[in-house]
PDB file of N, CA and C in Angstrom:
ATOM      1  N   LYS A   1      44.442 -26.420   6.086  1.00  0.00           N
ATOM      2  CA  LYS A   1      43.611 -25.961   7.200  1.00  0.00           C
ATOM      3  C   LYS A   1      44.156 -24.677   7.824  1.00  0.00           C
ATOM      4  N   PHE A   2      45.459 -24.472   7.795  1.00  0.00           N
ATOM      5  CA  PHE A   2      46.056 -23.316   8.465  1.00  0.00           C
ATOM      6  C   PHE A   2      46.482 -22.211   7.510  1.00  0.00           C
ATOM      7  N   ALA A   3      46.208 -22.355   6.227  1.00  0.00           N
ATOM      8  CA  ALA A   3      46.509 -21.338   5.214  1.00  0.00           C
ATOM      9  C   ALA A   3      47.988 -20.983   5.169  1.00  0.00           C
ATOM     10  N   MET A   4      48.846 -21.971   5.337  1.00  0.00           N
ATOM     11  CA  MET A   4      50.286 -21.725   5.257  1.00  0.00           C
ATOM     12  C   MET A   4      50.737 -21.888   3.807  1.00  0.00           C
ATOM     13  N   VAL A   5      51.699 -21.072   3.386  1.00  0.00           N
ATOM     14  CA  VAL A   5      52.184 -21.090   2.012  1.00  0.00           C
ATOM     15  C   VAL A   5      53.377 -22.032   1.872  1.00  0.00           C
ATOM     16  N   ALA A   6      54.374 -21.852   2.697  1.00  0.00           N
ATOM     17  CA  ALA A   6      55.591 -22.664   2.641  1.00  0.00           C
ATOM     18  C   ALA A   6      56.021 -23.002   4.066  1.00  0.00           C
ATOM     19  N   PRO A   7      55.328 -23.952   4.687  1.00  0.00           N
ATOM     20  CA  PRO A   7      55.617 -24.221   6.099  1.00  0.00           C
ATOM     21  C   PRO A   7      56.847 -25.099   6.320  1.00  0.00           C
ATOM     22  N   ASP A   8      57.453 -24.884   7.465  1.00  0.00           N
ATOM     23  CA  ASP A   8      58.458 -25.790   8.021  1.00  0.00           C
ATOM     24  C   ASP A   8      57.835 -26.312   9.309  1.00  0.00           C
ATOM     25  N   VAL A   9      57.768 -27.633   9.456  1.00  0.00           N
ATOM     26  CA  VAL A   9      57.161 -28.227  10.646  1.00  0.00           C
ATOM     27  C   VAL A   9      58.185 -29.124  11.321  1.00  0.00           C
ATOM     28  N   GLN A  10      58.375 -28.899  12.605  1.00  0.00           N
ATOM     29  CA  GLN A  10      59.313 -29.731  13.363  1.00  0.00           C
ATOM     30  C   GLN A  10      58.687 -30.138  14.683  1.00  0.00           C
ATOM     31  N   ILE A  11      59.207 -31.220  15.238  1.00  0.00           N
ATOM     32  CA  ILE A  11      58.762 -31.668  16.552  1.00  0.00           C
ATOM     33  C   ILE A  11      59.378 -30.715  17.570  1.00  0.00           C
ATOM     34  N   ASP A  12      58.564 -30.187  18.451  1.00  0.00           N
ATOM     35  CA  ASP A  12      59.023 -29.217  19.449  1.00  0.00           C
ATOM     36  C   ASP A  12      59.560 -29.968  20.666  1.00  0.00           C
ATOM     37  N   ASP A  13      60.686 -30.676  20.456  1.00  0.00           N
ATOM     38  CA  ASP A  13      61.263 -31.489  21.527  1.00  0.00           C
ATOM     39  C   ASP A  13      62.716 -31.130  21.812  1.00  0.00           C
ATOM     40  N   GLY A  14      63.200 -30.054  21.174  1.00  0.00           N
ATOM     41  CA  GLY A  14      64.570 -29.641  21.386  1.00  0.00           C
ATOM     42  C   GLY A  14      65.574 -30.341  20.488  1.00  0.00           C
ATOM     43  N   LYS A  15      65.157 -31.377  19.768  1.00  0.00           N
ATOM     44  CA  LYS A  15      66.064 -32.114  18.877  1.00  0.00           C
ATOM     45  C   LYS A  15      66.058 -31.547  17.461  1.00  0.00           C
ATOM     46  N   GLY A  16      64.989 -30.838  17.117  1.00  0.00           N
ATOM     47  CA  GLY A  16      64.910 -30.233  15.791  1.00  0.00           C
ATOM     48  C   GLY A  16      64.553 -31.186  14.674  1.00  0.00           C
ATOM     49  N   THR A  17      63.815 -32.258  14.971  1.00  0.00           N
ATOM     50  CA  THR A  17      63.402 -33.195  13.935  1.00  0.00           C
ATOM     51  C   THR A  17      62.412 -32.514  13.001  1.00  0.00           C
ATOM     52  N   ILE A  18      62.793 -32.364  11.727  1.00  0.00           N
ATOM     53  CA  ILE A  18      61.960 -31.666  10.751  1.00  0.00           C
ATOM     54  C   ILE A  18      61.071 -32.675  10.032  1.00  0.00           C
ATOM     55  N   LEU A  19      59.757 -32.438  10.072  1.00  0.00           N
ATOM     56  CA  LEU A  19      58.788 -33.302   9.405  1.00  0.00           C
ATOM     57  C   LEU A  19      58.467 -32.803   8.000  1.00  0.00           C
ATOM     58  N   ILE A  20      58.310 -31.485   7.870  1.00  0.00           N
ATOM     59  CA  ILE A  20      57.989 -30.852   6.592  1.00  0.00           C
ATOM     60  C   ILE A  20      58.924 -29.664   6.434  1.00  0.00           C
ATOM     61  N   SER A  21      59.537 -29.561   5.261  1.00  0.00           N
ATOM     62  CA  SER A  21      60.437 -28.443   4.995  1.00  0.00           C
ATOM     63  C   SER A  21      59.923 -27.646   3.809  1.00  0.00           C
ATOM     64  N   SER A  22      60.105 -26.334   3.863  1.00  0.00           N
ATOM     65  CA  SER A  22      59.738 -25.481   2.738  1.00  0.00           C
ATOM     66  C   SER A  22      60.764 -25.602   1.611  1.00  0.00           C
ATOM     67  N   GLU A  23      61.917 -26.213   1.896  1.00  0.00           N
ATOM     68  CA  GLU A  23      62.928 -26.461   0.869  1.00  0.00           C
ATOM     69  C   GLU A  23      62.491 -27.665   0.033  1.00  0.00           C
ATOM     70  N   GLU A  24      62.336 -27.479  -1.246  1.00  0.00           N
ATOM     71  CA  GLU A  24      61.835 -28.528  -2.135  1.00  0.00           C
ATOM     72  C   GLU A  24      62.685 -29.794  -2.050  1.00  0.00           C
ATOM     73  N   GLY A  25      62.023 -30.931  -1.842  1.00  0.00           N
ATOM     74  CA  GLY A  25      62.676 -32.229  -1.829  1.00  0.00           C
ATOM     75  C   GLY A  25      63.358 -32.619  -0.525  1.00  0.00           C
ATOM     76  N   GLU A  26      63.515 -31.684   0.397  1.00  0.00           N
ATOM     77  CA  GLU A  26      64.262 -31.962   1.630  1.00  0.00           C
ATOM     78  C   GLU A  26      63.610 -33.018   2.513  1.00  0.00           C
ATOM     79  N   THR A  27      62.283 -33.007   2.591  1.00  0.00           N
ATOM     80  CA  THR A  27      61.584 -33.965   3.459  1.00  0.00           C
ATOM     81  C   THR A  27      60.571 -34.799   2.678  1.00  0.00           C
ATOM     82  N   GLU A  28      60.759 -34.909   1.396  1.00  0.00           N
ATOM     83  CA  GLU A  28      59.831 -35.661   0.545  1.00  0.00           C
ATOM     84  C   GLU A  28      59.667 -37.108   1.009  1.00  0.00           C
ATOM     85  N   ALA A  29      60.709 -37.701   1.553  1.00  0.00           N
ATOM     86  CA  ALA A  29      60.657 -39.089   2.027  1.00  0.00           C
ATOM     87  C   ALA A  29      59.697 -39.250   3.208  1.00  0.00           C
ATOM     88  N   ASN A  30      59.346 -38.158   3.873  1.00  0.00           N
ATOM     89  CA  ASN A  30      58.437 -38.210   5.027  1.00  0.00           C
ATOM     90  C   ASN A  30      56.972 -38.258   4.619  1.00  0.00           C
ATOM     91  N   ASN A  31      56.665 -37.935   3.388  1.00  0.00           N
ATOM     92  CA  ASN A  31      55.272 -37.778   2.956  1.00  0.00           C
ATOM     93  C   ASN A  31      54.407 -39.015   3.175  1.00  0.00           C
ATOM     94  N   HIS A  32      54.974 -40.205   3.102  1.00  0.00           N
ATOM     95  CA  HIS A  32      54.178 -41.428   3.233  1.00  0.00           C
ATOM     96  C   HIS A  32      54.323 -42.069   4.608  1.00  0.00           C
ATOM     97  N   ARG A  33      55.040 -41.417   5.499  1.00  0.00           N
ATOM     98  CA  ARG A  33      55.236 -41.968   6.839  1.00  0.00           C
ATOM     99  C   ARG A  33      54.123 -41.496   7.767  1.00  0.00           C
ATOM    100  N   LYS A  34      53.851 -42.294   8.775  1.00  0.00           N
ATOM    101  CA  LYS A  34      52.858 -41.937   9.791  1.00  0.00           C
ATOM    102  C   LYS A  34      53.526 -41.104  10.875  1.00  0.00           C
ATOM    103  N   LEU A  35      52.726 -40.309  11.573  1.00  0.00           N
ATOM    104  CA  LEU A  35      53.262 -39.510  12.677  1.00  0.00           C
ATOM    105  C   LEU A  35      53.908 -40.399  13.742  1.00  0.00           C
ATOM    106  N   SER A  36      53.324 -41.569  13.964  1.00  0.00           N
ATOM    107  CA  SER A  36      53.876 -42.478  14.975  1.00  0.00           C
ATOM    108  C   SER A  36      55.277 -42.963  14.603  1.00  0.00           C
ATOM    109  N   ASP A  37      55.630 -42.956  13.311  1.00  0.00           N
ATOM    110  CA  ASP A  37      56.980 -43.322  12.877  1.00  0.00           C
ATOM    111  C   ASP A  37      58.032 -42.351  13.429  1.00  0.00           C
ATOM    112  N   PHE A  38      57.604 -41.154  13.754  1.00  0.00           N
ATOM    113  CA  PHE A  38      58.497 -40.135  14.297  1.00  0.00           C
ATOM    114  C   PHE A  38      58.406 -40.039  15.821  1.00  0.00           C
ATOM    115  N   GLY A  39      57.634 -40.930  16.437  1.00  0.00           N
ATOM    116  CA  GLY A  39      57.467 -40.886  17.891  1.00  0.00           C
ATOM    117  C   GLY A  39      56.421 -39.875  18.335  1.00  0.00           C
ATOM    118  N   ILE A  40      55.613 -39.398  17.398  1.00  0.00           N
ATOM    119  CA  ILE A  40      54.565 -38.424  17.737  1.00  0.00           C
ATOM    120  C   ILE A  40      53.368 -39.181  18.272  1.00  0.00           C
ATOM    121  N   ARG A  41      52.976 -38.831  19.459  1.00  0.00           N
ATOM    122  CA  ARG A  41      51.874 -39.494  20.146  1.00  0.00           C
ATOM    123  C   ARG A  41      50.980 -38.429  20.804  1.00  0.00           C
ATOM    124  N   ASN A  42      49.998 -38.877  21.531  1.00  0.00           N
ATOM    125  CA  ASN A  42      49.130 -37.981  22.283  1.00  0.00           C
ATOM    126  C   ASN A  42      49.984 -37.077  23.167  1.00  0.00           C
ATOM    127  N   GLY A  43      49.796 -35.780  23.046  1.00  0.00           N
ATOM    128  CA  GLY A  43      50.532 -34.826  23.867  1.00  0.00           C
ATOM    129  C   GLY A  43      51.777 -34.258  23.216  1.00  0.00           C
ATOM    130  N   THR A  44      52.179 -34.788  22.061  1.00  0.00           N
ATOM    131  CA  THR A  44      53.347 -34.248  21.362  1.00  0.00           C
ATOM    132  C   THR A  44      53.020 -32.852  20.853  1.00  0.00           C
ATOM    133  N   ARG A  45      54.035 -32.010  20.854  1.00  0.00           N
ATOM    134  CA  ARG A  45      53.866 -30.637  20.381  1.00  0.00           C
ATOM    135  C   ARG A  45      54.690 -30.439  19.110  1.00  0.00           C
ATOM    136  N   LEU A  46      54.071 -29.817  18.102  1.00  0.00           N
ATOM    137  CA  LEU A  46      54.741 -29.498  16.849  1.00  0.00           C
ATOM    138  C   LEU A  46      54.810 -27.985  16.696  1.00  0.00           C
ATOM    139  N   GLN A  47      55.855 -27.534  16.012  1.00  0.00           N
ATOM    140  CA  GLN A  47      55.971 -26.106  15.708  1.00  0.00           C
ATOM    141  C   GLN A  47      55.967 -25.950  14.201  1.00  0.00           C
ATOM    142  N   ALA A  48      55.048 -25.142  13.685  1.00  0.00           N
ATOM    143  CA  ALA A  48      54.937 -24.889  12.250  1.00  0.00           C
ATOM    144  C   ALA A  48      55.222 -23.414  12.000  1.00  0.00           C
ATOM    145  N   ASP A  49      56.196 -23.157  11.133  1.00  0.00           N
ATOM    146  CA  ASP A  49      56.583 -21.787  10.794  1.00  0.00           C
ATOM    147  C   ASP A  49      56.375 -21.558   9.307  1.00  0.00           C
ATOM    148  N   ASP A  50      55.770 -20.442   8.968  1.00  0.00           N
ATOM    149  CA  ASP A  50      55.667 -20.025   7.578  1.00  0.00           C
ATOM    150  C   ASP A  50      56.353 -18.671   7.484  1.00  0.00           C
ATOM    151  N   PHE A  51      57.621 -18.691   7.104  1.00  0.00           N
ATOM    152  CA  PHE A  51      58.417 -17.472   7.086  1.00  0.00           C
ATOM    153  C   PHE A  51      57.930 -16.474   6.048  1.00  0.00           C
ATOM    154  N   LEU A  52      57.303 -16.960   4.973  1.00  0.00           N
ATOM    155  CA  LEU A  52      56.790 -16.047   3.954  1.00  0.00           C
ATOM    156  C   LEU A  52      55.675 -15.157   4.492  1.00  0.00           C
ATOM    157  N   GLN A  53      54.940 -15.664   5.478  1.00  0.00           N
ATOM    158  CA  GLN A  53      53.839 -14.895   6.052  1.00  0.00           C
ATOM    159  C   GLN A  53      54.126 -14.422   7.481  1.00  0.00           C
ATOM    160  N   ASP A  54      55.325 -14.697   7.984  1.00  0.00           N
ATOM    161  CA  ASP A  54      55.673 -14.365   9.357  1.00  0.00           C
ATOM    162  C   ASP A  54      54.590 -14.913  10.300  1.00  0.00           C
ATOM    163  N   TYR A  55      54.406 -16.232  10.217  1.00  0.00           N
ATOM    164  CA  TYR A  55      53.271 -16.910  10.841  1.00  0.00           C
ATOM    165  C   TYR A  55      53.790 -18.181  11.499  1.00  0.00           C
ATOM    166  N   THR A  56      53.591 -18.325  12.808  1.00  0.00           N
ATOM    167  CA  THR A  56      54.043 -19.500  13.543  1.00  0.00           C
ATOM    168  C   THR A  56      52.895 -20.079  14.349  1.00  0.00           C
ATOM    169  N   LEU A  57      52.785 -21.405  14.322  1.00  0.00           N
ATOM    170  CA  LEU A  57      51.767 -22.104  15.109  1.00  0.00           C
ATOM    171  C   LEU A  57      52.439 -23.130  15.999  1.00  0.00           C
ATOM    172  N   LEU A  58      51.944 -23.278  17.205  1.00  0.00           N
ATOM    173  CA  LEU A  58      52.304 -24.393  18.065  1.00  0.00           C
ATOM    174  C   LEU A  58      51.105 -25.320  18.054  1.00  0.00           C
ATOM    175  N   ILE A  59      51.336 -26.575  17.693  1.00  0.00           N
ATOM    176  CA  ILE A  59      50.248 -27.545  17.526  1.00  0.00           C
ATOM    177  C   ILE A  59      50.393 -28.634  18.569  1.00  0.00           C
ATOM    178  N   ASN A  60      49.370 -28.809  19.373  1.00  0.00           N
ATOM    179  CA  ASN A  60      49.339 -29.890  20.352  1.00  0.00           C
ATOM    180  C   ASN A  60      48.564 -31.048  19.749  1.00  0.00           C
ATOM    181  N   VAL A  61      49.216 -32.194  19.635  1.00  0.00           N
ATOM    182  CA  VAL A  61      48.585 -33.376  19.058  1.00  0.00           C
ATOM    183  C   VAL A  61      47.848 -34.117  20.181  1.00  0.00           C
ATOM    184  N   LEU A  62      46.550 -34.307  19.981  1.00  0.00           N
ATOM    185  CA  LEU A  62      45.727 -35.019  20.957  1.00  0.00           C
ATOM    186  C   LEU A  62      45.033 -36.170  20.250  1.00  0.00           C
ATOM    187  N   HIS A  63      45.195 -37.363  20.777  1.00  0.00           N
ATOM    188  CA  HIS A  63      44.565 -38.548  20.186  1.00  0.00           C
ATOM    189  C   HIS A  63      43.100 -38.607  20.591  1.00  0.00           C
ATOM    190  N   SER A  64      42.247 -38.994  19.639  1.00  0.00           N
ATOM    191  CA  SER A  64      40.821 -39.129  19.920  1.00  0.00           C
ATOM    192  C   SER A  64      40.257 -40.310  19.145  1.00  0.00           C
ATOM    193  N   GLU A  65      39.405 -41.064  19.781  1.00  0.00           N
ATOM    194  CA  GLU A  65      38.687 -42.160  19.126  1.00  0.00           C
ATOM    195  C   GLU A  65      37.290 -41.714  18.714  1.00  0.00           C
ATOM    196  N   ASP A  66      36.919 -40.465  18.996  1.00  0.00           N
ATOM    197  CA  ASP A  66      35.552 -39.984  18.812  1.00  0.00           C
ATOM    198  C   ASP A  66      35.327 -39.193  17.524  1.00  0.00           C
ATOM    199  N   LEU A  67      36.200 -39.326  16.533  1.00  0.00           N
ATOM    200  CA  LEU A  67      36.014 -38.599  15.279  1.00  0.00           C
ATOM    201  C   LEU A  67      34.952 -39.288  14.428  1.00  0.00           C
ATOM    202  N   GLU A  68      34.266 -38.487  13.618  1.00  0.00           N
ATOM    203  CA  GLU A  68      33.244 -39.047  12.735  1.00  0.00           C
ATOM    204  C   GLU A  68      33.899 -39.945  11.682  1.00  0.00           C
ATOM    205  N   LYS A  69      33.103 -40.787  11.066  1.00  0.00           N
ATOM    206  CA  LYS A  69      33.595 -41.715  10.039  1.00  0.00           C
ATOM    207  C   LYS A  69      34.275 -40.932   8.913  1.00  0.00           C
ATOM    208  N   ASP A  70      35.411 -41.425   8.456  1.00  0.00           N
ATOM    209  CA  ASP A  70      36.207 -40.842   7.372  1.00  0.00           C
ATOM    210  C   ASP A  70      36.829 -39.489   7.714  1.00  0.00           C
ATOM    211  N   VAL A  71      36.811 -39.083   8.987  1.00  0.00           N
ATOM    212  CA  VAL A  71      37.480 -37.863   9.421  1.00  0.00           C
ATOM    213  C   VAL A  71      38.811 -38.274  10.040  1.00  0.00           C
ATOM    214  N   GLU A  72      39.904 -37.797   9.447  1.00  0.00           N
ATOM    215  CA  GLU A  72      41.224 -38.186   9.920  1.00  0.00           C
ATOM    216  C   GLU A  72      41.731 -37.325  11.065  1.00  0.00           C
ATOM    217  N   PHE A  73      41.347 -36.058  11.068  1.00  0.00           N
ATOM    218  CA  PHE A  73      41.784 -35.160  12.138  1.00  0.00           C
ATOM    219  C   PHE A  73      40.794 -34.023  12.282  1.00  0.00           C
ATOM    220  N   GLU A  74      40.908 -33.333  13.396  1.00  0.00           N
ATOM    221  CA  GLU A  74      40.045 -32.189  13.672  1.00  0.00           C
ATOM    222  C   GLU A  74      40.904 -31.085  14.248  1.00  0.00           C
ATOM    223  N   VAL A  75      40.675 -29.867  13.789  1.00  0.00           N
ATOM    224  CA  VAL A  75      41.387 -28.708  14.316  1.00  0.00           C
ATOM    225  C   VAL A  75      40.508 -28.087  15.391  1.00  0.00           C
ATOM    226  N   VAL A  76      41.066 -27.962  16.573  1.00  0.00           N
ATOM    227  CA  VAL A  76      40.330 -27.378  17.688  1.00  0.00           C
ATOM    228  C   VAL A  76      41.144 -26.204  18.208  1.00  0.00           C
ATOM    229  N   GLY A  77      40.519 -25.064  18.362  1.00  0.00           N
ATOM    230  CA  GLY A  77      41.234 -23.897  18.869  1.00  0.00           C
ATOM    231  C   GLY A  77      41.011 -22.705  17.970  1.00  0.00           C
ATOM    232  N   ASP A  78      41.924 -21.774  18.039  1.00  0.00           N
ATOM    233  CA  ASP A  78      41.810 -20.534  17.289  1.00  0.00           C
ATOM    234  C   ASP A  78      42.461 -20.662  15.919  1.00  0.00           C
ATOM    235  N   THR A  79      41.684 -21.082  14.923  1.00  0.00           N
ATOM    236  CA  THR A  79      42.169 -21.123  13.552  1.00  0.00           C
ATOM    237  C   THR A  79      41.861 -19.773  12.920  1.00  0.00           C
ATOM    238  N   PRO A  80      42.543 -19.403  11.832  1.00  0.00           N
ATOM    239  CA  PRO A  80      42.316 -18.077  11.248  1.00  0.00           C
ATOM    240  C   PRO A  80      40.860 -17.754  10.976  1.00  0.00           C
ATOM    241  N   GLU A  81      40.069 -18.716  10.484  1.00  0.00           N
ATOM    242  CA  GLU A  81      38.663 -18.394  10.196  1.00  0.00           C
ATOM    243  C   GLU A  81      37.833 -18.264  11.464  1.00  0.00           C
ATOM    244  N   ARG A  82      38.327 -18.754  12.583  1.00  0.00           N
ATOM    245  CA  ARG A  82      37.579 -18.647  13.837  1.00  0.00           C
ATOM    246  C   ARG A  82      37.968 -17.412  14.652  1.00  0.00           C
ATOM    247  N   ILE A  83      39.114 -16.849  14.370  1.00  0.00           N
ATOM    248  CA  ILE A  83      39.594 -15.716  15.157  1.00  0.00           C
ATOM    249  C   ILE A  83      38.761 -14.481  14.880  1.00  0.00           C
ATOM    250  N   GLY A  84      38.453 -14.223  13.618  1.00  0.00           N
ATOM    251  CA  GLY A  84      37.655 -13.063  13.261  1.00  0.00           C
ATOM    252  C   GLY A  84      38.496 -11.805  13.253  1.00  0.00           C
ATOM    253  N   PRO A  85      37.876 -10.680  12.953  1.00  0.00           N
ATOM    254  CA  PRO A  85      38.624  -9.433  12.880  1.00  0.00           C
ATOM    255  C   PRO A  85      39.111  -8.997  14.258  1.00  0.00           C
ATOM    256  N   LYS A  86      40.232  -8.303  14.233  1.00  0.00           N
ATOM    257  CA  LYS A  86      40.755  -7.769  15.487  1.00  0.00           C
ATOM    258  C   LYS A  86      39.819  -6.676  15.980  1.00  0.00           C
ATOM    259  N   PRO A  87      39.655  -6.558  17.297  1.00  0.00           N
ATOM    260  CA  PRO A  87      38.797  -5.488  17.791  1.00  0.00           C
ATOM    261  C   PRO A  87      39.380  -4.137  17.396  1.00  0.00           C
ATOM    262  N   SER A  88      38.510  -3.235  17.005  1.00  0.00           N
ATOM    263  CA  SER A  88      38.993  -1.926  16.591  1.00  0.00           C
ATOM    264  C   SER A  88      39.462  -1.141  17.806  1.00  0.00           C
ATOM    265  N   GLU A  89      40.407  -0.250  17.531  1.00  0.00           N
ATOM    266  CA  GLU A  89      40.904   0.590  18.605  1.00  0.00           C
ATOM    267  C   GLU A  89      39.849   1.633  18.936  1.00  0.00           C
ATOM    268  N   PRO A  90      39.865   2.127  20.171  1.00  0.00           N
ATOM    269  CA  PRO A  90      38.877   3.143  20.532  1.00  0.00           C
ATOM    270  C   PRO A  90      38.995   4.355  19.615  1.00  0.00           C
ATOM    271  N   THR A  91      37.851   4.914  19.256  1.00  0.00           N
ATOM    272  CA  THR A  91      37.828   6.088  18.400  1.00  0.00           C
ATOM    273  C   THR A  91      38.368   7.280  19.173  1.00  0.00           C
ATOM    274  N   PRO A  92      39.321   8.007  18.575  1.00  0.00           N
ATOM    275  CA  PRO A  92      39.848   9.173  19.285  1.00  0.00           C
ATOM    276  C   PRO A  92      38.751  10.217  19.446  1.00  0.00           C
ATOM    277  N   ARG A  93      38.776  10.867  20.562  1.00  0.00           N
ATOM    278  CA  ARG A  93      37.770  11.885  20.853  1.00  0.00           C
ATOM    279  C   ARG A  93      38.275  13.236  20.380  1.00  0.00           C
ATOM    280  N   ASN A  94      37.374  14.016  19.799  1.00  0.00           N
ATOM    281  CA  ASN A  94      37.734  15.365  19.357  1.00  0.00           C
ATOM    282  C   ASN A  94      37.755  16.294  20.549  1.00  0.00           C
ATOM    283  N   ILE A  95      38.872  16.937  20.738  1.00  0.00           N
ATOM    284  CA  ILE A  95      38.994  17.911  21.826  1.00  0.00           C
ATOM    285  C   ILE A  95      39.434  19.221  21.189  1.00  0.00           C
ATOM    286  N   SER A  96      38.633  20.248  21.347  1.00  0.00           N
ATOM    287  CA  SER A  96      38.989  21.556  20.803  1.00  0.00           C
ATOM    288  C   SER A  96      39.068  22.561  21.929  1.00  0.00           C
ATOM    289  N   ASN A  97      39.968  23.485  21.804  1.00  0.00           N
ATOM    290  CA  ASN A  97      40.169  24.538  22.818  1.00  0.00           C
ATOM    291  C   ASN A  97      40.455  23.950  24.192  1.00  0.00           C
ATOM    292  N   GLY A  98      41.046  22.754  24.219  1.00  0.00           N
ATOM    293  CA  GLY A  98      41.391  22.167  25.513  1.00  0.00           C
ATOM    294  C   GLY A  98      40.184  21.706  26.306  1.00  0.00           C
ATOM    295  N   SER A  99      39.008  21.694  25.674  1.00  0.00           N
ATOM    296  CA  SER A  99      37.791  21.306  26.375  1.00  0.00           C
ATOM    297  C   SER A  99      37.250  20.013  25.787  1.00  0.00           C
ATOM    298  N   ASP A 100      36.772  19.141  26.657  1.00  0.00           N
ATOM    299  CA  ASP A 100      36.173  17.886  26.213  1.00  0.00           C
ATOM    300  C   ASP A 100      34.701  17.887  26.588  1.00  0.00           C
ATOM    301  N   ASP A 101      33.999  18.997  26.228  1.00  0.00           N
ATOM    302  CA  ASP A 101      32.593  19.118  26.625  1.00  0.00           C
ATOM    303  C   ASP A 101      31.632  18.612  25.566  1.00  0.00           C
ATOM    304  N   GLY A 102      32.156  18.019  24.505  1.00  0.00           N
ATOM    305  CA  GLY A 102      31.295  17.467  23.466  1.00  0.00           C
ATOM    306  C   GLY A 102      30.889  18.479  22.422  1.00  0.00           C
ATOM    307  N   ALA A 103      31.286  19.738  22.559  1.00  0.00           N
ATOM    308  CA  ALA A 103      30.917  20.756  21.574  1.00  0.00           C
ATOM    309  C   ALA A 103      31.594  20.458  20.249  1.00  0.00           C
ATOM    310  N   GLN A 104      30.850  20.616  19.175  1.00  0.00           N
ATOM    311  CA  GLN A 104      31.362  20.373  17.836  1.00  0.00           C
ATOM    312  C   GLN A 104      31.560  21.706  17.124  1.00  0.00           C
ATOM    313  N   PRO A 105      32.514  21.758  16.195  1.00  0.00           N
ATOM    314  CA  PRO A 105      32.703  23.016  15.448  1.00  0.00           C
ATOM    315  C   PRO A 105      31.477  23.325  14.589  1.00  0.00           C
ATOM    316  N   SER A 106      31.264  24.592  14.345  1.00  0.00           N
ATOM    317  CA  SER A 106      30.123  25.023  13.543  1.00  0.00           C
ATOM    318  C   SER A 106      30.312  24.616  12.094  1.00  0.00           C
ATOM    319  N   THR A 107      29.223  24.201  11.472  1.00  0.00           N
ATOM    320  CA  THR A 107      29.277  23.847  10.050  1.00  0.00           C
ATOM    321  C   THR A 107      28.379  24.762   9.228  1.00  0.00           C
ATOM    322  N   SER A 108      27.914  25.845   9.814  1.00  0.00           N
ATOM    323  CA  SER A 108      27.020  26.742   9.075  1.00  0.00           C
ATOM    324  C   SER A 108      27.807  27.498   8.021  1.00  0.00           C
ATOM    325  N   THR A 109      27.124  27.870   6.950  1.00  0.00           N
ATOM    326  CA  THR A 109      27.767  28.564   5.851  1.00  0.00           C
ATOM    327  C   THR A 109      27.537  30.067   5.938  1.00  0.00           C
ATOM    328  N   GLY A 110      26.716  30.510   6.846  1.00  0.00           N
ATOM    329  CA  GLY A 110      26.482  31.940   7.034  1.00  0.00           C
ATOM    330  C   GLY A 110      25.534  32.532   6.010  1.00  0.00           C
ATOM    331  N   LYS A 111      24.744  31.784   5.289  1.00  0.00           N
ATOM    332  CA  LYS A 111      23.813  32.294   4.269  1.00  0.00           C
ATOM    333  C   LYS A 111      22.555  32.768   4.883  1.00  0.00           C
TER     334      LYS A 111
END
């Protein structure tokens, strides 16, 4: 969902409990455990880092009973596909001869 390549995910509680590691095999034993096994509940915050993409997310876990059938989780907020393109910077204005009167240079060929 977050387009991460090699994420490291830890509980943002100051203890540094790592749930997912980008190091192969380091957290493989966690794959079949539930979030509640780690004390993750409504309001818990996770930090996900993808160093290959210089990309960090803070994830707030919120419990909901209102998900549709067979939906395990829902992403709410600014995901990459929802952010859209960055607004373009203002176009620089052409100023010639120290004047900003809108005059444009001549393009005539003199024929």
